[in-house]
Protein backbone atom coordinates (compact mmCIF):
# COMPACT_ATOMS: atom_id res chain seq x y z
CA MET A 1 41.78 165.84 54.53
CA ASN A 2 40.69 163.21 52.06
CA ALA A 3 40.85 159.44 52.62
CA GLN A 4 43.86 158.87 50.36
CA THR A 5 45.99 161.37 52.29
CA PHE A 6 44.88 159.82 55.57
CA PHE A 7 45.83 156.28 54.51
CA ARG A 8 49.17 157.45 53.12
CA THR A 9 49.90 159.13 56.44
CA ILE A 10 48.98 155.95 58.35
CA GLY A 11 51.21 153.91 56.03
CA PHE A 12 54.10 156.31 56.53
CA LEU A 13 53.67 156.12 60.32
CA ILE A 14 53.72 152.31 60.18
CA ILE A 15 56.97 152.39 58.19
CA LEU A 16 58.41 154.93 60.62
CA PHE A 17 57.45 152.67 63.54
CA LEU A 18 59.30 149.78 61.89
CA VAL A 19 62.39 151.97 61.50
CA VAL A 20 62.28 152.89 65.18
CA TYR A 21 61.71 149.26 66.20
CA VAL A 22 64.63 148.00 64.12
CA SER A 23 66.77 150.80 65.51
CA ILE A 24 65.96 149.80 69.09
CA GLU A 25 66.81 146.15 68.43
CA ASN A 26 70.10 146.76 66.52
CA THR A 27 72.38 148.65 68.87
CA GLN A 28 75.68 147.01 67.94
CA ILE A 29 78.44 148.90 66.13
CA ILE A 30 78.86 147.98 62.46
CA ASP A 31 81.15 148.95 59.58
CA PHE A 32 79.22 150.54 56.74
CA ARG A 33 81.11 150.53 53.45
CA PHE A 34 80.14 152.77 50.57
CA SER A 35 83.22 153.08 48.40
CA MET A 36 81.75 155.79 46.16
CA LEU A 37 81.75 158.30 49.03
CA ALA A 38 84.55 157.25 51.38
CA ASP A 39 87.61 155.03 51.26
CA LYS A 40 87.35 154.04 54.92
CA PRO A 41 84.28 152.29 56.32
CA LEU A 42 81.92 154.32 58.47
CA ARG A 43 81.86 152.77 61.94
CA SER A 44 78.65 153.60 63.77
CA SER A 45 75.58 152.16 65.43
CA ALA A 46 73.42 150.04 63.15
CA ALA A 47 70.40 152.09 64.23
CA ILE A 48 71.95 155.37 63.09
CA ILE A 49 72.98 153.94 59.72
CA TYR A 50 69.58 152.32 59.19
CA PHE A 51 67.79 155.57 60.00
CA ALA A 52 70.12 157.55 57.72
CA MET A 53 69.36 155.22 54.80
CA PHE A 54 65.64 155.56 55.52
CA ALA A 55 65.93 159.36 55.60
CA VAL A 56 67.82 159.41 52.29
CA GLY A 57 65.11 157.24 50.74
CA VAL A 58 62.29 159.44 52.03
CA ILE A 59 63.96 162.64 50.86
CA GLY A 60 64.79 161.11 47.46
CA GLY A 61 61.25 159.81 47.05
CA THR A 62 59.80 163.18 48.00
CA LEU A 63 62.02 164.98 45.50
CA LEU A 64 61.18 162.52 42.73
CA HIS A 65 57.48 162.65 43.54
CA ASN A 66 57.36 166.45 43.50
CA SER A 67 59.79 166.99 40.63
CA GLY A 68 56.97 167.18 38.07
CA GLY A 69 55.70 170.37 39.60
CA LYS A 70 53.00 172.40 37.92
CA SER A 71 54.83 173.11 34.67
CA GLY A 72 53.13 170.38 32.66
CA GLY A 73 49.65 170.78 34.10
CA ARG A 74 46.83 173.18 33.48
CA SER A 75 47.31 176.84 34.10
CA SER A 76 45.79 178.36 37.23
CA GLU A 77 43.59 180.63 35.10
CA GLY A 78 41.09 177.86 34.46
CA GLY A 79 42.04 176.50 31.05
CA SER A 80 44.58 176.21 28.33
CA LYS A 81 45.58 179.13 26.13
CA ARG A 82 44.89 177.65 22.71
CA LYS A 83 43.71 179.88 19.90
């Protein structure tokens, strides 16, 4: 494991700790309105809604980060195929 991966993992764990801490402190029921998905407000614990928004952000970020794939990079055969 290189240093960059280690520090990214530590950073992610710090953010995850903050999510858990905020979730512990905000236990009241709230109305979450998102008119694009539902006409009625979603009534749930603030912790659950906060965690759900965090999860959507992490999944979206992961998909955007990995969307480039290997299609634009070098081939696995060790070089480009120019003639």
